[in-house]
Amino acid sequence: MPRRNQSHKSQRRSGGSSGESRGGSLFGDALAREEPGPAGYDDERFMVRQIPGARATKSYRCPGCDQEVRPGVAHVVAWPADPGGADDRRHWHTGCWAGRRTRGLTRRWS
């Protein structure tokens, strides 16, 4: 008999897909989490989503270093948590997002 990669128990434990799990919310088909914003946006919360390299198909400009986030590079997408904030999402290098609290933005958040 062929082996299964997942047990039936783990599928039952995951439950339904309510769209929220441990403080995150569903945006598209990926789980987003809420984090504090970059320096200068201390009082604002941002939704953050990891983008794997295989799903990164376009070029973007990182607001943390003002360099290009090239296709195929894993990165982070962040947007203000307030309603309508997804229209203002920005693509960051993972390291730039991790260091956002210690350095300012090179490009103004428009």
N, C-alpha and C. Protein backbone atom coordinates (compact mmCIF):
# COMPACT_ATOMS: atom_id res chain seq x y z
N MET A 1 0.85 -1.18 0.00
CA MET A 1 0.00 0.00 0.00
C MET A 1 0.89 1.25 0.00
N PRO A 2 0.58 2.27 -0.81
CA PRO A 2 1.40 3.47 -0.86
C PRO A 2 1.33 4.26 0.45
N ARG A 3 2.40 4.95 0.72
CA ARG A 3 2.49 5.78 1.91
C ARG A 3 1.79 7.11 1.72
N ARG A 4 1.24 7.65 2.77
CA ARG A 4 0.62 8.98 2.74
C ARG A 4 1.55 9.97 3.39
N ASN A 5 1.62 11.17 2.85
CA ASN A 5 2.47 12.20 3.43
C ASN A 5 1.85 12.87 4.64
N GLN A 6 0.53 12.85 4.74
CA GLN A 6 -0.16 13.47 5.87
C GLN A 6 -1.11 12.45 6.48
N SER A 7 -1.21 12.49 7.79
CA SER A 7 -2.14 11.60 8.45
C SER A 7 -3.54 12.21 8.45
N HIS A 8 -4.52 11.38 8.64
CA HIS A 8 -5.90 11.87 8.71
C HIS A 8 -6.11 12.72 9.96
N LYS A 9 -5.39 12.41 11.04
CA LYS A 9 -5.54 13.17 12.28
C LYS A 9 -5.15 14.63 12.10
N SER A 10 -4.06 14.89 11.38
CA SER A 10 -3.64 16.28 11.21
C SER A 10 -4.64 17.07 10.36
N GLN A 11 -5.31 16.40 9.44
CA GLN A 11 -6.33 17.07 8.63
C GLN A 11 -7.55 17.41 9.47
N ARG A 12 -7.91 16.51 10.39
CA ARG A 12 -9.06 16.77 11.26
C ARG A 12 -8.77 17.90 12.23
N ARG A 13 -7.54 17.97 12.75
CA ARG A 13 -7.17 19.00 13.71
C ARG A 13 -7.19 20.39 13.11
N SER A 14 -6.90 20.50 11.81
CA SER A 14 -6.84 21.82 11.20
C SER A 14 -8.20 22.50 11.16
N GLY A 15 -9.27 21.73 11.22
CA GLY A 15 -10.61 22.30 11.26
C GLY A 15 -11.01 22.96 9.97
N GLY A 16 -11.97 23.88 10.07
CA GLY A 16 -12.47 24.58 8.89
C GLY A 16 -11.55 25.71 8.50
N SER A 17 -11.87 26.34 7.39
CA SER A 17 -11.06 27.47 6.92
C SER A 17 -11.85 28.75 7.16
N SER A 18 -11.77 29.25 8.39
CA SER A 18 -12.55 30.43 8.75
C SER A 18 -11.94 31.72 8.22
N GLY A 19 -10.67 31.65 7.75
CA GLY A 19 -10.05 32.86 7.23
C GLY A 19 -9.18 33.56 8.24
N GLU A 20 -9.27 33.17 9.52
CA GLU A 20 -8.43 33.77 10.53
C GLU A 20 -7.81 32.67 11.36
N SER A 21 -6.56 32.86 11.74
CA SER A 21 -5.85 31.89 12.54
C SER A 21 -4.75 32.58 13.32
N ARG A 22 -4.85 32.59 14.63
CA ARG A 22 -3.82 33.15 15.50
C ARG A 22 -3.43 34.58 15.14
N GLY A 23 -4.39 35.44 14.96
CA GLY A 23 -4.09 36.85 14.73
C GLY A 23 -3.86 37.22 13.29
N GLY A 24 -3.90 36.26 12.38
CA GLY A 24 -3.70 36.57 10.97
C GLY A 24 -5.03 36.65 10.26
N SER A 25 -5.00 37.13 9.04
CA SER A 25 -6.21 37.14 8.23
C SER A 25 -5.85 36.67 6.84
N LEU A 26 -6.83 36.19 6.15
CA LEU A 26 -6.60 35.65 4.83
C LEU A 26 -6.63 36.76 3.79
N PHE A 27 -5.58 36.89 3.01
CA PHE A 27 -5.52 37.86 1.92
C PHE A 27 -5.14 37.08 0.69
N GLY A 28 -6.05 36.90 -0.22
CA GLY A 28 -5.80 36.01 -1.34
C GLY A 28 -5.81 34.59 -0.81
N ASP A 29 -4.74 33.85 -1.04
CA ASP A 29 -4.70 32.48 -0.54
C ASP A 29 -3.57 32.29 0.47
N ALA A 30 -3.04 33.36 1.03
CA ALA A 30 -1.93 33.24 1.97
C ALA A 30 -2.29 33.91 3.29
N LEU A 31 -1.77 33.37 4.36
CA LEU A 31 -2.04 33.91 5.68
C LEU A 31 -1.21 35.16 5.93
N ALA A 32 -1.85 36.20 6.39
CA ALA A 32 -1.15 37.45 6.72
C ALA A 32 -1.19 37.63 8.23
N ARG A 33 -0.16 38.25 8.78
CA ARG A 33 -0.10 38.50 10.21
C ARG A 33 0.02 40.00 10.45
N GLU A 34 -0.36 40.43 11.64
CA GLU A 34 -0.31 41.86 11.96
C GLU A 34 0.96 42.15 12.75
N GLU A 35 1.69 43.22 12.35
CA GLU A 35 2.94 43.61 12.99
C GLU A 35 3.01 45.12 13.09
N PRO A 36 3.91 45.63 13.96
CA PRO A 36 4.11 47.09 14.00
C PRO A 36 4.73 47.58 12.70
N GLY A 37 4.48 48.82 12.37
CA GLY A 37 4.97 49.38 11.12
C GLY A 37 6.42 49.81 11.18
N PRO A 38 6.92 50.35 10.07
CA PRO A 38 8.31 50.82 10.02
C PRO A 38 8.51 52.07 10.88
N ALA A 39 9.76 52.47 11.05
CA ALA A 39 10.09 53.67 11.83
C ALA A 39 9.33 54.86 11.26
N GLY A 40 8.76 55.67 12.14
CA GLY A 40 7.95 56.80 11.70
C GLY A 40 6.47 56.45 11.62
N TYR A 41 6.14 55.17 11.68
CA TYR A 41 4.75 54.70 11.64
C TYR A 41 4.50 53.87 12.89
N ASP A 42 5.06 54.29 14.02
CA ASP A 42 5.05 53.51 15.25
C ASP A 42 3.65 53.18 15.76
N ASP A 43 2.72 54.10 15.61
CA ASP A 43 1.38 53.88 16.13
C ASP A 43 0.50 53.09 15.16
N GLU A 44 0.99 52.80 13.98
CA GLU A 44 0.19 52.12 12.97
C GLU A 44 0.56 50.64 12.90
N ARG A 45 -0.44 49.78 12.70
CA ARG A 45 -0.23 48.34 12.56
C ARG A 45 -0.30 48.00 11.08
N PHE A 46 0.49 47.02 10.67
CA PHE A 46 0.55 46.59 9.28
C PHE A 46 0.26 45.11 9.17
N MET A 47 -0.42 44.73 8.11
CA MET A 47 -0.60 43.33 7.78
C MET A 47 0.60 42.92 6.94
N VAL A 48 1.15 41.75 7.21
CA VAL A 48 2.38 41.30 6.56
C VAL A 48 2.17 39.90 6.01
N ARG A 49 2.67 39.69 4.82
CA ARG A 49 2.52 38.40 4.15
C ARG A 49 3.85 38.01 3.50
N GLN A 50 4.30 36.79 3.73
CA GLN A 50 5.52 36.26 3.11
C GLN A 50 5.20 35.81 1.69
N ILE A 51 6.06 36.16 0.74
CA ILE A 51 5.91 35.72 -0.65
C ILE A 51 7.10 34.82 -0.97
N PRO A 52 6.87 33.55 -1.26
CA PRO A 52 7.99 32.67 -1.62
C PRO A 52 8.56 33.03 -2.99
N GLY A 53 9.80 32.71 -3.21
CA GLY A 53 10.46 33.05 -4.46
C GLY A 53 9.75 32.50 -5.68
N ALA A 54 9.17 31.32 -5.57
CA ALA A 54 8.47 30.72 -6.70
C ALA A 54 7.23 31.51 -7.11
N ARG A 55 6.66 32.28 -6.19
CA ARG A 55 5.45 33.06 -6.49
C ARG A 55 5.76 34.52 -6.82
N ALA A 56 7.02 34.91 -6.71
CA ALA A 56 7.42 36.30 -7.00
C ALA A 56 7.71 36.41 -8.49
N THR A 57 6.78 36.99 -9.23
CA THR A 57 6.90 37.01 -10.69
C THR A 57 7.10 38.40 -11.28
N LYS A 58 7.05 39.44 -10.46
CA LYS A 58 7.20 40.81 -10.96
C LYS A 58 8.30 41.53 -10.20
N SER A 59 8.76 42.63 -10.77
CA SER A 59 9.75 43.48 -10.09
C SER A 59 9.03 44.56 -9.29
N TYR A 60 9.58 44.87 -8.11
CA TYR A 60 9.04 45.91 -7.25
C TYR A 60 10.20 46.74 -6.71
N ARG A 61 9.92 47.90 -6.16
CA ARG A 61 10.93 48.76 -5.54
C ARG A 61 10.74 48.68 -4.04
N CYS A 62 11.75 48.23 -3.32
CA CYS A 62 11.69 48.10 -1.86
C CYS A 62 11.78 49.48 -1.22
N PRO A 63 10.82 49.86 -0.35
CA PRO A 63 10.89 51.17 0.30
C PRO A 63 11.95 51.23 1.39
N GLY A 64 12.48 50.08 1.80
CA GLY A 64 13.50 50.06 2.85
C GLY A 64 14.89 50.39 2.36
N CYS A 65 15.22 49.97 1.12
CA CYS A 65 16.58 50.19 0.60
C CYS A 65 16.58 50.87 -0.77
N ASP A 66 15.41 51.10 -1.34
CA ASP A 66 15.26 51.72 -2.65
C ASP A 66 15.92 50.91 -3.76
N GLN A 67 16.05 49.60 -3.54
CA GLN A 67 16.59 48.70 -4.56
C GLN A 67 15.45 47.85 -5.10
N GLU A 68 15.69 47.20 -6.21
CA GLU A 68 14.67 46.39 -6.86
C GLU A 68 14.52 45.04 -6.16
N VAL A 69 13.27 44.63 -5.96
CA VAL A 69 12.96 43.27 -5.53
C VAL A 69 12.69 42.51 -6.83
N ARG A 70 13.62 41.68 -7.23
CA ARG A 70 13.56 41.02 -8.54
C ARG A 70 12.63 39.81 -8.52
N PRO A 71 12.13 39.42 -9.69
CA PRO A 71 11.33 38.19 -9.78
C PRO A 71 12.15 36.99 -9.29
N GLY A 72 11.49 36.09 -8.59
CA GLY A 72 12.15 34.90 -8.07
C GLY A 72 12.77 35.07 -6.70
N VAL A 73 12.71 36.29 -6.14
CA VAL A 73 13.29 36.56 -4.82
C VAL A 73 12.17 36.54 -3.78
N ALA A 74 12.33 35.70 -2.75
CA ALA A 74 11.36 35.68 -1.66
C ALA A 74 11.37 37.04 -0.97
N HIS A 75 10.19 37.55 -0.62
CA HIS A 75 10.11 38.87 0.00
C HIS A 75 8.85 38.98 0.84
N VAL A 76 8.62 40.17 1.37
CA VAL A 76 7.49 40.44 2.26
C VAL A 76 6.61 41.51 1.63
N VAL A 77 5.30 41.34 1.74
CA VAL A 77 4.35 42.38 1.33
C VAL A 77 3.71 42.92 2.60
N ALA A 78 3.69 44.23 2.76
CA ALA A 78 3.11 44.86 3.95
C ALA A 78 2.15 45.97 3.53
N TRP A 79 1.06 46.11 4.28
CA TRP A 79 0.08 47.16 4.01
C TRP A 79 -0.57 47.56 5.32
N PRO A 80 -1.04 48.81 5.43
CA PRO A 80 -1.70 49.26 6.66
C PRO A 80 -2.90 48.37 6.99
N ALA A 81 -3.07 48.08 8.29
CA ALA A 81 -4.14 47.18 8.73
C ALA A 81 -5.52 47.83 8.67
N ASP A 82 -5.59 49.15 8.55
CA ASP A 82 -6.90 49.81 8.51
C ASP A 82 -7.65 49.46 7.22
N PRO A 83 -8.97 49.62 7.22
CA PRO A 83 -9.77 49.30 6.03
C PRO A 83 -9.27 50.05 4.79
N GLY A 84 -9.16 49.36 3.70
CA GLY A 84 -8.68 49.96 2.46
C GLY A 84 -7.17 50.02 2.37
N GLY A 85 -6.47 49.54 3.39
CA GLY A 85 -5.01 49.60 3.41
C GLY A 85 -4.35 48.70 2.39
N ALA A 86 -5.04 47.66 1.95
CA ALA A 86 -4.46 46.72 0.97
C ALA A 86 -4.14 47.42 -0.34
N ASP A 87 -4.81 48.53 -0.62
CA ASP A 87 -4.51 49.29 -1.84
C ASP A 87 -3.15 49.98 -1.74
N ASP A 88 -2.63 50.10 -0.52
CA ASP A 88 -1.36 50.78 -0.28
C ASP A 88 -0.25 49.79 0.10
N ARG A 89 -0.31 48.57 -0.43
CA ARG A 89 0.68 47.57 -0.06
C ARG A 89 2.01 47.82 -0.76
N ARG A 90 3.09 47.44 -0.07
CA ARG A 90 4.45 47.61 -0.56
C ARG A 90 5.21 46.30 -0.43
N HIS A 91 6.11 46.06 -1.36
CA HIS A 91 6.93 44.85 -1.37
C HIS A 91 8.31 45.18 -0.83
N TRP A 92 8.72 44.48 0.23
CA TRP A 92 9.99 44.71 0.92
C TRP A 92 10.88 43.48 0.80
N HIS A 93 12.21 43.71 0.74
CA HIS A 93 13.13 42.59 0.94
C HIS A 93 12.90 42.10 2.37
N THR A 94 13.06 40.81 2.60
CA THR A 94 12.82 40.25 3.92
C THR A 94 13.73 40.91 4.96
N GLY A 95 14.99 41.11 4.65
CA GLY A 95 15.93 41.75 5.58
C GLY A 95 15.60 43.21 5.84
N CYS A 96 15.13 43.91 4.84
CA CYS A 96 14.74 45.32 5.01
C CYS A 96 13.53 45.42 5.93
N TRP A 97 12.56 44.52 5.78
CA TRP A 97 11.40 44.55 6.66
C TRP A 97 11.82 44.21 8.09
N ALA A 98 12.73 43.25 8.25
CA ALA A 98 13.19 42.87 9.59
C ALA A 98 13.91 44.04 10.27
N GLY A 99 14.60 44.88 9.52
CA GLY A 99 15.33 46.01 10.09
C GLY A 99 14.58 47.33 10.03
N ARG A 100 13.31 47.29 9.76
CA ARG A 100 12.52 48.52 9.55
C ARG A 100 12.46 49.40 10.79
N ARG A 101 12.61 48.85 11.99
CA ARG A 101 12.48 49.62 13.22
C ARG A 101 13.75 50.43 13.53
N THR A 102 14.88 50.05 12.94
CA THR A 102 16.15 50.70 13.27
C THR A 102 16.61 51.69 12.21
N ARG A 103 15.96 51.71 11.07
CA ARG A 103 16.33 52.65 10.01
C ARG A 103 15.08 53.22 9.38
N GLY A 104 15.19 54.39 8.83
CA GLY A 104 14.04 55.03 8.20
C GLY A 104 13.80 54.52 6.79
N LEU A 105 12.73 54.99 6.21
CA LEU A 105 12.41 54.63 4.83
C LEU A 105 13.26 55.43 3.87
N THR A 106 13.64 54.81 2.76
CA THR A 106 14.37 55.55 1.74
C THR A 106 13.40 56.18 0.75
N ARG A 107 12.20 55.62 0.67
CA ARG A 107 11.14 56.18 -0.18
C ARG A 107 9.95 56.46 0.72
N ARG A 108 9.33 57.59 0.52
CA ARG A 108 8.15 57.93 1.32
C ARG A 108 7.00 57.02 0.97
N TRP A 109 6.29 56.61 1.99
CA TRP A 109 5.10 55.78 1.82
C TRP A 109 4.03 56.69 1.25
N SER A 110 3.64 56.49 0.02
CA SER A 110 2.70 57.42 -0.61
C SER A 110 1.27 57.02 -0.43
